[in-house]
Amino acid sequence: MSLAFGLAAMLLLMVGAASFVLLGRRRQLDRRTESMHRLLELADQLEADLKTCRSGLKQAHAVMSLNPDQPAAGEQEAKQAIDAGLRSLLQQRLWIRDCAPDASQQGLDEAAADMSQTRARLRPLVHALERAHHDLDDAMREHIRREPDA
């Protein structure tokens, strides 16, 4: 009787230990999956931010330029910076595709943190560009409104 009780207790402990290990592994896999989704989401958001900047710069140049077909010096530099950002983002996406599945959790976390920091640095520029575009629109409406009086 005590041998059967001992075996049952041992079996119960082994099942409990295996469950604990499996639960820990499951949490680890869930965290990796969440990190991968976060990385892809951040890449999409960063790409949208960069494309918004590109579009806003083109619109601002078209409004302010006497010859919209000829880029201004500042516009060219800004375009090159945005293109460099998009190339860097492509490198990040390639890293996600090729290396992230085998990367450590720390590597995934660092990649996500880097991308978040890039977005954080870009956000004020996107907001400033949006404000400038809005101010340009207001100035153009004001100019058009005053024009018949002149």
C-alpha atoms as a PDB file:
ATOM      1  CA  MET A   1       0.000   0.000   0.000  1.00  0.00           C
ATOM      2  CA  SER A   2       2.698   2.486   0.926  1.00  0.00           C
ATOM      3  CA  LEU A   3       4.651   1.504  -2.212  1.00  0.00           C
ATOM      4  CA  ALA A   4       1.599   2.283  -4.368  1.00  0.00           C
ATOM      5  CA  PHE A   5       1.105   5.557  -2.501  1.00  0.00           C
ATOM      6  CA  GLY A   6       4.778   6.430  -3.001  1.00  0.00           C
ATOM      7  CA  LEU A   7       4.602   5.648  -6.719  1.00  0.00           C
ATOM      8  CA  ALA A   8       1.423   7.687  -7.098  1.00  0.00           C
ATOM      9  CA  ALA A   9       3.031  10.610  -5.276  1.00  0.00           C
ATOM     10  CA  MET A  10       6.159  10.307  -7.431  1.00  0.00           C
ATOM     11  CA  LEU A  11       4.057  10.206 -10.596  1.00  0.00           C
ATOM     12  CA  LEU A  12       2.082  13.231  -9.428  1.00  0.00           C
ATOM     13  CA  LEU A  13       5.316  15.160  -8.742  1.00  0.00           C
ATOM     14  CA  MET A  14       6.686  14.235 -12.184  1.00  0.00           C
ATOM     15  CA  VAL A  15       3.479  15.385 -13.886  1.00  0.00           C
ATOM     16  CA  GLY A  16       3.567  18.619 -11.888  1.00  0.00           C
ATOM     17  CA  ALA A  17       7.219  19.258 -12.784  1.00  0.00           C
ATOM     18  CA  ALA A  18       6.579  18.524 -16.463  1.00  0.00           C
ATOM     19  CA  SER A  19       3.571  20.864 -16.430  1.00  0.00           C
ATOM     20  CA  PHE A  20       5.662  23.583 -14.819  1.00  0.00           C
ATOM     21  CA  VAL A  21       8.392  23.210 -17.465  1.00  0.00           C
ATOM     22  CA  LEU A  22       5.865  23.170 -20.305  1.00  0.00           C
ATOM     23  CA  LEU A  23       4.085  26.220 -18.923  1.00  0.00           C
ATOM     24  CA  GLY A  24       7.388  28.116 -18.715  1.00  0.00           C
ATOM     25  CA  ARG A  25       8.260  27.127 -22.262  1.00  0.00           C
ATOM     26  CA  ARG A  26       4.802  28.190 -23.434  1.00  0.00           C
ATOM     27  CA  ARG A  27       5.241  31.615 -21.837  1.00  0.00           C
ATOM     28  CA  GLN A  28       8.636  31.949 -23.496  1.00  0.00           C
ATOM     29  CA  LEU A  29       7.172  31.099 -26.910  1.00  0.00           C
ATOM     30  CA  ASP A  30       4.265  33.501 -26.366  1.00  0.00           C
ATOM     31  CA  ARG A  31       6.725  36.288 -25.515  1.00  0.00           C
ATOM     32  CA  ARG A  32       8.774  35.584 -28.671  1.00  0.00           C
ATOM     33  CA  THR A  33       5.632  35.586 -30.801  1.00  0.00           C
ATOM     34  CA  GLU A  34       4.522  38.854 -29.225  1.00  0.00           C
ATOM     35  CA  SER A  35       7.976  40.360 -29.832  1.00  0.00           C
ATOM     36  CA  MET A  36       7.933  39.324 -33.485  1.00  0.00           C
ATOM     37  CA  HIS A  37       4.478  40.836 -33.976  1.00  0.00           C
ATOM     38  CA  ARG A  38       5.638  44.011 -32.228  1.00  0.00           C
ATOM     39  CA  LEU A  39       8.703  44.255 -34.482  1.00  0.00           C
ATOM     40  CA  LEU A  40       6.589  43.903 -37.620  1.00  0.00           C
ATOM     41  CA  GLU A  41       4.059  46.416 -36.307  1.00  0.00           C
ATOM     42  CA  LEU A  42       6.806  48.935 -35.515  1.00  0.00           C
ATOM     43  CA  ALA A  43       8.319  48.450 -38.981  1.00  0.00           C
ATOM     44  CA  ASP A  44       4.933  49.172 -40.579  1.00  0.00           C
ATOM     45  CA  GLN A  45       4.431  52.259 -38.418  1.00  0.00           C
ATOM     46  CA  LEU A  46       7.929  53.562 -39.143  1.00  0.00           C
ATOM     47  CA  GLU A  47       7.416  53.046 -42.857  1.00  0.00           C
ATOM     48  CA  ALA A  48       4.125  54.951 -42.684  1.00  0.00           C
ATOM     49  CA  ASP A  49       5.850  57.803 -40.812  1.00  0.00           C
ATOM     50  CA  LEU A  50       8.626  58.010 -43.407  1.00  0.00           C
ATOM     51  CA  LYS A  51       6.160  57.964 -46.292  1.00  0.00           C
ATOM     52  CA  THR A  52       4.094  60.675 -44.576  1.00  0.00           C
ATOM     53  CA  CYS A  53       7.248  62.796 -44.346  1.00  0.00           C
ATOM     54  CA  ARG A  54       8.032  62.204 -48.004  1.00  0.00           C
ATOM     55  CA  SER A  55       4.518  63.117 -49.081  1.00  0.00           C
ATOM     56  CA  GLY A  56       4.410  66.185 -46.841  1.00  0.00           C
ATOM     57  CA  LEU A  57       7.723  67.455 -48.180  1.00  0.00           C
ATOM     58  CA  LYS A  58       6.530  67.053 -51.763  1.00  0.00           C
ATOM     59  CA  GLN A  59       3.320  68.942 -51.001  1.00  0.00           C
ATOM     60  CA  ALA A  60       5.145  71.721 -49.181  1.00  0.00           C
ATOM     61  CA  HIS A  61       7.611  72.093 -52.032  1.00  0.00           C
ATOM     62  CA  ALA A  62       4.805  72.209 -54.598  1.00  0.00           C
ATOM     63  CA  VAL A  63       3.061  74.985 -52.657  1.00  0.00           C
ATOM     64  CA  MET A  64       6.179  77.083 -52.021  1.00  0.00           C
ATOM     65  CA  SER A  65       8.144  76.531 -55.206  1.00  0.00           C
ATOM     66  CA  LEU A  66       8.093  78.863 -58.158  1.00  0.00           C
ATOM     67  CA  ASN A  67       9.083  75.905 -60.328  1.00  0.00           C
ATOM     68  CA  PRO A  68       7.683  72.664 -58.828  1.00  0.00           C
ATOM     69  CA  ASP A  69       9.554  70.572 -61.404  1.00  0.00           C
ATOM     70  CA  GLN A  70      12.916  71.693 -60.027  1.00  0.00           C
ATOM     71  CA  PRO A  71      13.799  70.482 -56.501  1.00  0.00           C
ATOM     72  CA  ALA A  72      15.118  72.994 -53.998  1.00  0.00           C
ATOM     73  CA  ALA A  73      18.425  72.314 -52.220  1.00  0.00           C
ATOM     74  CA  GLY A  74      16.765  71.675 -48.849  1.00  0.00           C
ATOM     75  CA  GLU A  75      14.161  69.444 -50.438  1.00  0.00           C
ATOM     76  CA  GLN A  76      16.845  67.276 -52.003  1.00  0.00           C
ATOM     77  CA  GLU A  77      18.617  66.830 -48.652  1.00  0.00           C
ATOM     78  CA  ALA A  78      15.348  65.966 -46.939  1.00  0.00           C
ATOM     79  CA  LYS A  79      14.477  63.489 -49.687  1.00  0.00           C
ATOM     80  CA  GLN A  80      17.884  61.840 -49.307  1.00  0.00           C
ATOM     81  CA  ALA A  81      17.398  61.588 -45.537  1.00  0.00           C
ATOM     82  CA  ILE A  82      13.982  59.971 -45.966  1.00  0.00           C
ATOM     83  CA  ASP A  83      15.340  57.592 -48.601  1.00  0.00           C
ATOM     84  CA  ALA A  84      18.169  56.654 -46.218  1.00  0.00           C
ATOM     85  CA  GLY A  85      15.575  55.991 -43.514  1.00  0.00           C
ATOM     86  CA  LEU A  86      13.601  53.753 -45.866  1.00  0.00           C
ATOM     87  CA  ARG A  87      16.776  51.854 -46.831  1.00  0.00           C
ATOM     88  CA  SER A  88      17.597  51.375 -43.150  1.00  0.00           C
ATOM     89  CA  LEU A  89      14.065  50.142 -42.550  1.00  0.00           C
ATOM     90  CA  LEU A  90      14.462  47.657 -45.401  1.00  0.00           C
ATOM     91  CA  GLN A  91      17.614  46.354 -43.698  1.00  0.00           C
ATOM     92  CA  GLN A  92      15.623  45.983 -40.466  1.00  0.00           C
ATOM     93  CA  ARG A  93      12.883  44.090 -42.297  1.00  0.00           C
ATOM     94  CA  LEU A  94      15.489  41.776 -43.845  1.00  0.00           C
ATOM     95  CA  TRP A  95      16.974  41.181 -40.383  1.00  0.00           C
ATOM     96  CA  ILE A  96      13.506  40.359 -39.069  1.00  0.00           C
ATOM     97  CA  ARG A  97      12.948  37.908 -41.911  1.00  0.00           C
ATOM     98  CA  ASP A  98      16.386  36.270 -41.849  1.00  0.00           C
ATOM     99  CA  CYS A  99      17.674  36.535 -38.291  1.00  0.00           C
ATOM    100  CA  ALA A 100      14.828  37.257 -35.880  1.00  0.00           C
ATOM    101  CA  PRO A 101      13.486  33.683 -35.781  1.00  0.00           C
ATOM    102  CA  ASP A 102      16.829  32.519 -34.329  1.00  0.00           C
ATOM    103  CA  ALA A 103      17.620  35.678 -32.337  1.00  0.00           C
ATOM    104  CA  SER A 104      17.639  35.710 -28.567  1.00  0.00           C
ATOM    105  CA  GLN A 105      14.778  37.364 -26.716  1.00  0.00           C
ATOM    106  CA  GLN A 106      17.217  40.111 -25.764  1.00  0.00           C
ATOM    107  CA  GLY A 107      18.066  40.622 -29.449  1.00  0.00           C
ATOM    108  CA  LEU A 108      14.374  40.919 -30.316  1.00  0.00           C
ATOM    109  CA  ASP A 109      13.798  43.348 -27.443  1.00  0.00           C
ATOM    110  CA  GLU A 110      16.777  45.482 -28.515  1.00  0.00           C
ATOM    111  CA  ALA A 111      15.596  45.588 -32.135  1.00  0.00           C
ATOM    112  CA  ALA A 112      12.130  46.682 -31.004  1.00  0.00           C
ATOM    113  CA  ALA A 113      13.614  49.311 -28.684  1.00  0.00           C
ATOM    114  CA  ASP A 114      15.804  50.681 -31.497  1.00  0.00           C
ATOM    115  CA  MET A 115      12.828  50.915 -33.828  1.00  0.00           C
ATOM    116  CA  SER A 116      10.719  52.594 -31.136  1.00  0.00           C
ATOM    117  CA  GLN A 117      13.487  55.138 -30.521  1.00  0.00           C
ATOM    118  CA  THR A 118      13.702  55.866 -34.243  1.00  0.00           C
ATOM    119  CA  ARG A 119       9.949  56.457 -34.358  1.00  0.00           C
ATOM    120  CA  ALA A 120      10.163  58.673 -31.269  1.00  0.00           C
ATOM    121  CA  ARG A 121      12.848  60.811 -32.955  1.00  0.00           C
ATOM    122  CA  LEU A 122      10.817  60.969 -36.159  1.00  0.00           C
ATOM    123  CA  ARG A 123       7.460  61.858 -34.567  1.00  0.00           C
ATOM    124  CA  PRO A 124       8.337  65.504 -33.765  1.00  0.00           C
ATOM    125  CA  LEU A 125       9.479  65.950 -37.376  1.00  0.00           C
ATOM    126  CA  VAL A 126       6.233  64.466 -38.683  1.00  0.00           C
ATOM    127  CA  HIS A 127       4.225  66.752 -36.396  1.00  0.00           C
ATOM    128  CA  ALA A 128       6.281  69.801 -37.393  1.00  0.00           C
ATOM    129  CA  LEU A 129       5.772  68.954 -41.044  1.00  0.00           C
ATOM    130  CA  GLU A 130       2.029  68.569 -40.509  1.00  0.00           C
ATOM    131  CA  ARG A 131       1.908  71.936 -38.701  1.00  0.00           C
ATOM    132  CA  ALA A 132       3.937  73.591 -41.459  1.00  0.00           C
ATOM    133  CA  HIS A 133       1.630  72.124 -44.094  1.00  0.00           C
ATOM    134  CA  HIS A 134      -1.395  73.396 -42.184  1.00  0.00           C
ATOM    135  CA  ASP A 135       0.213  76.852 -41.817  1.00  0.00           C
ATOM    136  CA  LEU A 136       1.010  76.911 -45.540  1.00  0.00           C
ATOM    137  CA  ASP A 137      -2.584  76.047 -46.366  1.00  0.00           C
ATOM    138  CA  ASP A 138      -3.795  78.843 -44.088  1.00  0.00           C
ATOM    139  CA  ALA A 139      -1.355  81.318 -45.641  1.00  0.00           C
ATOM    140  CA  MET A 140      -2.423  80.345 -49.147  1.00  0.00           C
ATOM    141  CA  ARG A 141      -6.119  80.741 -48.270  1.00  0.00           C
ATOM    142  CA  GLU A 142      -5.381  84.131 -46.715  1.00  0.00           C
ATOM    143  CA  HIS A 143      -3.412  85.169 -49.797  1.00  0.00           C
ATOM    144  CA  ILE A 144      -6.224  84.067 -52.113  1.00  0.00           C
ATOM    145  CA  ARG A 145      -8.790  85.843 -49.941  1.00  0.00           C
ATOM    146  CA  ARG A 146      -6.815  89.120 -50.091  1.00  0.00           C
ATOM    147  CA  GLU A 147      -5.938  88.895 -53.779  1.00  0.00           C
ATOM    148  CA  PRO A 148      -9.192  90.367 -55.189  1.00  0.00           C
ATOM    149  CA  ASP A 149      -8.690  93.433 -52.965  1.00  0.00           C
ATOM    150  CA  ALA A 150      -5.281  94.215 -54.457  1.00  0.00           C
END
